[in-house]
Each structure stands twice: as C-alpha cells, then as structure tokens.
C-alpha cells in the first residue's frame, strides 16, 4: 500500500515538473514572438498615419488610417519597376545557383573523380574565409568587364553561399541509392541528364529549402546591388529604399510604408514555407 502511495506521489511530482517546463517553454516562445511581431506591428501602424498624427501620437494605434500613403510611395519610389527588376534577377540567380550546387555536389558525394574528398574538405574550409570586396571588383571589372551591370550582381548571388549549399546537397545525397546511378548509366543516360532528371527530383526537399533561402538572401541583399550595379535602371528594391530614405527620411510615415512594402513579399514567403526551410536544413545536415 505504501509503495502505491509513493508511486502516485512520484507521478504527481513528475507531472508538476512537466507542467512547469511546458509553461516556461510557452512563455519564452510567446515572449520571443512578441519581440519579433511588435516591430512589424509598429511598422504597419506608423505607415498608416498622417504626419500630424505621427507627430502627436507616434506609438498609439492609428485612428485615421491613411491608405493613400502606399499610393504615394508606390509612385515616388517606382515600386513596380524595382519590384520586377528584383524578381527577375533573384529568380535567375536562385535557379542557376541551385542547379550549379546540385551539379557540383553529386560527383563530390559519389567520389566520381580522384581527390573528391579533398576538394569537398577545401569547400568546407573555404566557408571560413572572408570575402574580398576589392578582389571581386577587380575580377568583375578588369577580367570579366561586367562591373556595374546586372550580370555582375547575378554572378555574385550565384556563388554566394555556394559552399554551404553544396555541403547540404552532399549530406542529402547520401540517402539517394547509388544503384540508381549505375542503372541509369547502363541504360545510356548521360551525367548531366541523370543529375537534372533523376537525382534532383529525388532531392526535392533540400532543393526547395536551398532555393527559398537563396531567394530570401538575394531579396534582402543591399550591399551587393548598391556596390556592383551602377546603372540606375537596374536598382533593386533594397537600394531604392536607401535612396528613398535620403528624400523622405524625415517623413516617418512614408519611410515606414516603403520599408513595409519592401519586406512584405519576403515575409509572406517565409511564413508560408518556413516549415520546408527548417525541415530541409535538418534533413540536409543529418542524412546518412
């Protein structure tokens, strides 16, 4: 009888500890969510205020929403033009970048050439090397003669983060049976055709993850477009926002409207696809 009472007390104690841990976890997550969502709320709230309302009540909830602020910013910042410029440059860099990484990762993981393991080790080590702005400019300007054009930025976006992406592809490729390679090659399938028609469809989770992270990185990049693209016709939204600040920086309602417009597409993309990004990264890191 005493043992039963002891077990019940032990069970109650364990249950109390579990409840406390769960409560603390949810409290911490709620606090973290609040620190992330409050700036977004503040941004949207200020963007809907007039100059007078912002001056008198900067942080209070908007009383008379000024949706016309968005129309003013869309016109003065040339949002549509910069939006489509950012979209097509990001699309090219992301798709080509993912394809190149997949194409490079396959022979490294399969050891299809001598010294593949050493090359892979060098790729991993190179992640810790700092980038060189001067070297990039010299190569793009003196060697390739594309500095100042969208081609320069697209090339930099393609190679940016390539080491990590190759590492993730190599990790995920361990789950793809090697027997498929041999069967495809026996049937006369070329290497290029095999990678893009057989291997990549089998790696959809990691392909999707790397593609989304690439899109987010390119979209949010400011230094790249600002430094490597000198033609005003090909300014992205991020550089347009910087130029907009010099003109409307004193009008916080217009400036926060511009910030929200630039950030909104990528926020929606991340909210919709965040579970694929997280799961893909985990799978790429622990496969095999």
Protein backbone atom coordinates (compact mmCIF):
# COMPACT_ATOMS: atom_id res chain seq x y z
CA UNK A 1 0.00 0.00 0.00
CA UNK A 2 2.82 2.37 0.86
CA UNK A 3 4.57 1.63 -2.47
CA UNK A 4 1.40 2.61 -4.34
CA UNK A 5 1.22 5.94 -2.48
CA UNK A 6 4.89 6.60 -3.20
CA UNK A 7 4.37 5.89 -6.92
CA UNK A 8 1.34 8.20 -7.03
CA UNK A 9 3.29 10.98 -5.34
CA UNK A 10 6.17 10.43 -7.73
CA UNK A 11 3.80 10.57 -10.68
CA UNK A 12 2.23 13.81 -9.39
CA UNK A 13 5.68 15.33 -8.88
CA UNK A 14 6.76 14.40 -12.41
CA UNK A 15 3.52 15.81 -13.79
CA UNK A 16 4.05 19.09 -11.91
CA UNK A 17 7.58 19.37 -13.27
CA UNK A 18 6.31 18.69 -16.80
CA UNK A 19 3.62 21.36 -16.45
CA UNK A 20 6.18 23.88 -15.18
CA UNK A 21 8.57 23.10 -18.05
CA UNK A 22 5.77 23.37 -20.60
CA UNK A 23 4.57 26.66 -19.13
CA UNK A 24 8.08 28.13 -19.13
CA UNK A 25 8.61 26.98 -22.72
CA UNK A 26 5.39 28.56 -23.97
CA UNK A 27 6.10 31.72 -22.01
CA UNK A 28 9.55 32.02 -23.58
CA UNK A 29 8.14 31.35 -27.07
CA UNK A 30 5.39 33.92 -26.56
CA UNK A 31 7.95 36.48 -25.40
CA UNK A 32 10.13 35.71 -28.42
CA UNK A 33 7.15 36.01 -30.77
CA UNK A 34 6.24 39.34 -29.19
CA UNK A 35 9.73 40.74 -29.73
CA UNK A 36 9.51 39.75 -33.39
CA UNK A 37 5.91 40.76 -34.11
CA UNK A 38 5.87 44.06 -32.22
CA UNK A 39 8.30 45.81 -34.62
CA UNK A 40 6.18 44.62 -37.55
CA UNK A 41 3.04 45.94 -35.88
CA UNK A 42 4.79 49.25 -35.16
CA UNK A 43 5.95 49.46 -38.78
CA UNK A 44 2.47 48.87 -40.16
CA UNK A 45 0.86 51.17 -37.61
CA UNK A 46 3.15 54.12 -38.39
CA UNK A 47 2.83 53.57 -42.15
CA UNK A 48 -0.91 54.27 -41.92
CA UNK A 49 -0.57 57.56 -40.03
CA UNK A 50 -0.53 61.11 -41.29
CA UNK A 51 2.32 63.47 -40.44
CA UNK A 52 0.21 65.19 -37.78
CA UNK A 53 -0.99 62.00 -36.12
CA UNK A 54 2.52 60.55 -36.04
CA UNK A 55 3.90 63.77 -34.51
CA UNK A 56 1.23 63.79 -31.78
CA UNK A 57 0.75 60.04 -31.19
CA UNK A 58 3.80 58.19 -32.59
CA UNK A 59 3.25 54.79 -30.94
CA UNK A 60 -0.52 54.74 -30.30
CA UNK A 61 -2.85 52.71 -32.51
CA UNK A 62 -3.73 54.53 -35.72
CA UNK A 63 -7.10 56.33 -35.53
CA UNK A 64 -7.50 57.57 -39.10
CA UNK A 65 -5.72 55.16 -41.49
CA UNK A 66 -4.08 56.87 -44.46
CA UNK A 67 -4.01 54.15 -47.12
CA UNK A 68 -3.02 56.83 -49.58
CA UNK A 69 0.50 56.68 -48.12
CA UNK A 70 1.03 53.45 -50.04
CA UNK A 71 -0.08 55.03 -53.31
CA UNK A 72 2.36 57.91 -52.77
CA UNK A 73 5.26 55.56 -52.03
CA UNK A 74 4.45 53.25 -54.95
CA UNK A 75 4.65 56.18 -57.34
CA UNK A 76 7.59 58.11 -55.87
CA UNK A 77 9.75 55.03 -55.24
CA UNK A 78 8.91 53.36 -58.58
CA UNK A 79 7.98 50.20 -56.69
CA UNK A 80 6.62 48.22 -59.66
CA UNK A 81 9.73 48.83 -61.76
CA UNK A 82 12.12 47.97 -58.94
CA UNK A 83 9.97 45.02 -57.88
CA UNK A 84 10.13 43.29 -61.27
CA UNK A 85 13.85 44.08 -61.55
CA UNK A 86 14.45 42.43 -58.19
CA UNK A 87 12.23 39.47 -59.11
CA UNK A 88 13.91 38.54 -62.38
CA UNK A 89 17.43 39.00 -61.03
CA UNK A 90 16.60 36.98 -57.92
CA UNK A 91 14.92 34.25 -59.98
CA UNK A 92 17.89 33.80 -62.31
CA UNK A 93 20.46 33.81 -59.51
CA UNK A 94 18.44 31.40 -57.34
CA UNK A 95 17.60 28.83 -60.03
CA UNK A 96 21.07 28.82 -61.59
CA UNK A 97 22.72 28.80 -58.17
CA UNK A 98 20.76 25.76 -57.03
CA UNK A 99 21.45 23.94 -60.29
CA UNK A 100 25.20 24.61 -60.10
CA UNK A 101 25.37 23.47 -56.47
CA UNK A 102 23.49 20.24 -57.22
CA UNK A 103 25.69 19.60 -60.26
CA UNK A 104 28.86 20.08 -58.19
CA UNK A 105 27.69 18.16 -55.13
CA UNK A 106 26.85 14.94 -56.95
CA UNK A 107 30.38 13.85 -58.03
CA UNK A 108 31.78 15.00 -54.68
CA UNK A 109 29.45 12.77 -52.70
CA UNK A 110 29.85 9.81 -55.09
CA UNK A 111 33.66 10.16 -55.33
CA UNK A 112 33.48 10.05 -59.11
CA UNK A 113 36.94 11.58 -59.53
CA UNK A 114 40.26 11.31 -57.76
CA UNK A 115 40.63 13.70 -54.86
CA UNK A 116 36.89 14.33 -54.45
CA UNK A 117 37.13 14.12 -50.67
CA UNK A 118 39.96 16.66 -50.61
CA UNK A 119 38.01 19.06 -52.82
CA UNK A 120 35.00 18.72 -50.53
CA UNK A 121 37.19 19.40 -47.49
CA UNK A 122 38.55 22.54 -49.16
CA UNK A 123 34.98 23.70 -49.90
CA UNK A 124 34.03 23.27 -46.24
CA UNK A 125 37.16 25.08 -45.03
CA UNK A 126 36.58 27.93 -47.51
CA UNK A 127 33.36 28.80 -45.69
CA UNK A 128 35.54 30.39 -43.02
CA UNK A 129 37.48 32.54 -45.49
CA UNK A 130 36.39 36.21 -45.51
CA UNK A 131 35.16 37.64 -48.79
CA UNK A 132 37.24 40.28 -50.57
CA UNK A 133 35.42 43.30 -51.95
CA UNK A 134 38.47 44.57 -53.83
CA UNK A 135 39.14 41.18 -55.45
CA UNK A 136 35.52 40.91 -56.55
CA UNK A 137 35.58 44.34 -58.16
CA UNK A 138 38.91 43.66 -59.91
CA UNK A 139 37.67 40.36 -61.34
CA UNK A 140 34.32 41.74 -62.44
CA UNK A 141 35.79 44.93 -63.90
CA UNK A 142 39.21 44.01 -65.31
CA UNK A 143 38.79 40.32 -66.09
CA UNK A 144 35.11 39.88 -66.96
CA UNK A 145 34.27 43.50 -67.82
CA UNK A 146 30.76 43.27 -66.36
CA UNK A 147 31.12 45.53 -63.32
CA UNK A 148 28.20 47.93 -62.94
CA UNK A 149 25.77 45.68 -64.83
CA UNK A 150 23.14 43.23 -63.52
CA UNK A 151 25.33 40.36 -64.73
CA UNK A 152 27.91 41.21 -62.06
CA UNK A 153 25.34 41.07 -59.29
CA UNK A 154 23.73 37.88 -60.59
CA UNK A 155 27.13 36.15 -60.74
CA UNK A 156 27.89 37.17 -57.16
CA UNK A 157 24.48 35.99 -56.00
CA UNK A 158 25.01 32.64 -57.73
CA UNK A 159 28.32 31.94 -55.99
CA UNK A 160 27.25 33.47 -52.68
CA UNK A 161 26.72 30.76 -50.07
CA UNK A 162 27.70 28.06 -52.53
CA UNK A 163 29.86 26.20 -50.01
CA UNK A 164 27.02 25.75 -47.52
CA UNK A 165 24.58 24.76 -50.26
CA UNK A 166 26.99 22.15 -51.65
CA UNK A 167 27.50 20.82 -48.12
CA UNK A 168 23.73 20.44 -47.67
CA UNK A 169 23.35 18.71 -51.04
CA UNK A 170 26.17 16.28 -50.24
CA UNK A 171 24.55 15.42 -46.93
CA UNK A 172 21.18 14.79 -48.55
CA UNK A 173 22.64 12.76 -51.45
CA UNK A 174 23.66 10.05 -49.01
CA UNK A 175 20.01 9.00 -48.95
CA UNK A 176 19.86 8.56 -52.75
CA UNK A 177 20.76 4.92 -53.63
CA UNK A 178 23.94 4.58 -55.69
CA UNK A 179 22.33 1.70 -57.59
CA UNK A 180 20.24 4.28 -59.45
CA UNK A 181 23.43 5.78 -60.86
CA UNK A 182 24.66 2.50 -62.24
CA UNK A 183 21.26 1.56 -63.68
CA UNK A 184 20.92 4.93 -65.39
CA UNK A 185 24.42 4.84 -66.86
CA UNK A 186 23.91 1.28 -68.12
CA UNK A 187 20.78 2.49 -69.92
CA UNK A 188 22.84 5.19 -71.65
CA UNK A 189 21.81 8.17 -69.51
CA UNK A 190 24.39 10.96 -69.57
CA UNK A 191 25.72 12.51 -66.39
CA UNK A 192 24.04 15.87 -66.96
CA UNK A 193 20.71 14.26 -67.81
CA UNK A 194 20.91 11.97 -64.78
CA UNK A 195 21.59 14.83 -62.35
CA UNK A 196 18.79 17.06 -63.59
CA UNK A 197 16.13 14.45 -64.46
CA UNK A 198 16.72 11.72 -61.86
CA UNK A 199 18.77 12.97 -58.91
CA UNK A 200 17.30 16.44 -58.42
CA UNK A 201 13.64 15.22 -58.45
CA UNK A 202 14.64 12.79 -55.68
CA UNK A 203 16.08 15.69 -53.68
CA UNK A 204 13.02 17.96 -53.78
CA UNK A 205 13.04 18.75 -50.03
CA UNK A 206 16.61 20.06 -50.00
CA UNK A 207 16.27 21.71 -53.42
CA UNK A 208 13.19 23.54 -52.21
CA UNK A 209 14.92 24.61 -49.00
CA UNK A 210 18.07 25.93 -50.67
CA UNK A 211 16.01 27.68 -53.34
CA UNK A 212 13.94 29.51 -50.72
CA UNK A 213 16.94 30.53 -48.63
CA UNK A 214 18.63 31.75 -51.81
CA UNK A 215 15.58 33.82 -52.74
CA UNK A 216 15.39 35.37 -49.27
CA UNK A 217 19.10 36.16 -49.27
CA UNK A 218 19.06 37.78 -52.71
CA UNK A 219 15.90 39.76 -51.99
CA UNK A 220 17.26 41.18 -48.73
CA UNK A 221 20.72 41.94 -50.07
CA UNK A 222 21.61 45.62 -50.03
CA UNK A 223 25.40 45.91 -50.34
CA UNK A 224 25.58 43.79 -53.49
CA UNK A 225 23.13 45.83 -55.59
CA UNK A 226 24.45 49.09 -54.15
CA UNK A 227 28.12 48.36 -54.91
CA UNK A 228 28.07 46.22 -58.05
CA UNK A 229 25.18 47.76 -60.04
CA UNK A 230 25.80 51.37 -61.07
CA UNK A 231 23.09 51.63 -63.72
CA UNK A 232 20.02 53.36 -62.14
CA UNK A 233 17.72 51.38 -64.43
CA UNK A 234 18.55 48.18 -62.57
CA UNK A 235 18.22 49.31 -58.98
CA UNK A 236 16.58 46.75 -56.70
CA UNK A 237 14.00 47.44 -54.01
CA UNK A 238 16.62 47.44 -51.25
CA UNK A 239 18.76 50.10 -52.95
CA UNK A 240 15.61 52.00 -53.88
CA UNK A 241 14.68 52.06 -50.20
CA UNK A 242 18.07 53.52 -49.31
CA UNK A 243 17.69 56.27 -51.91
CA UNK A 244 14.14 56.88 -50.75
CA UNK A 245 15.39 57.48 -47.19
CA UNK A 246 17.52 60.42 -48.34
CA UNK A 247 14.38 62.08 -49.76
CA UNK A 248 11.64 61.05 -47.31
CA UNK A 249 13.68 60.08 -44.24
CA UNK A 250 12.13 62.89 -42.23
CA UNK A 251 8.59 61.70 -43.07
CA UNK A 252 8.48 58.56 -40.97
CA UNK A 253 5.02 57.58 -42.16
CA UNK A 254 6.20 57.43 -45.79
CA UNK A 255 9.53 55.86 -44.92
CA UNK A 256 7.97 53.07 -42.82
CA UNK A 257 5.49 52.49 -45.65
CA UNK A 258 8.42 51.96 -48.01
CA UNK A 259 10.07 49.57 -45.54
CA UNK A 260 6.87 47.55 -45.20
CA UNK A 261 6.42 47.34 -48.98
CA UNK A 262 9.97 46.03 -49.44
CA UNK A 263 9.71 43.50 -46.59
CA UNK A 264 6.15 42.29 -47.19
CA UNK A 265 6.75 39.81 -50.06
CA UNK A 266 9.58 38.03 -48.28
CA UNK A 267 7.63 37.93 -45.01
CA UNK A 268 4.75 36.17 -46.78
CA UNK A 269 7.12 33.72 -48.49
CA UNK A 270 8.79 32.84 -45.19
CA UNK A 271 5.50 32.44 -43.32
CA UNK A 272 4.16 30.05 -45.97
CA UNK A 273 7.31 27.98 -46.47
CA UNK A 274 9.09 28.17 -43.11
CA UNK A 275 8.43 24.52 -42.24
CA UNK A 276 10.01 23.39 -45.53
CA UNK A 277 13.06 25.58 -44.91
CA UNK A 278 13.61 24.23 -41.40
CA UNK A 279 12.92 20.58 -42.25
CA UNK A 280 15.10 20.71 -45.34
CA UNK A 281 18.04 22.15 -43.42
CA UNK A 282 17.72 19.46 -40.75
CA UNK A 283 17.48 16.69 -43.33
CA UNK A 284 20.45 18.03 -45.27
CA UNK A 285 22.55 18.16 -42.11
CA UNK A 286 21.77 14.68 -40.69
CA UNK A 287 21.13 12.47 -43.69
CA UNK A 288 23.32 9.41 -43.82
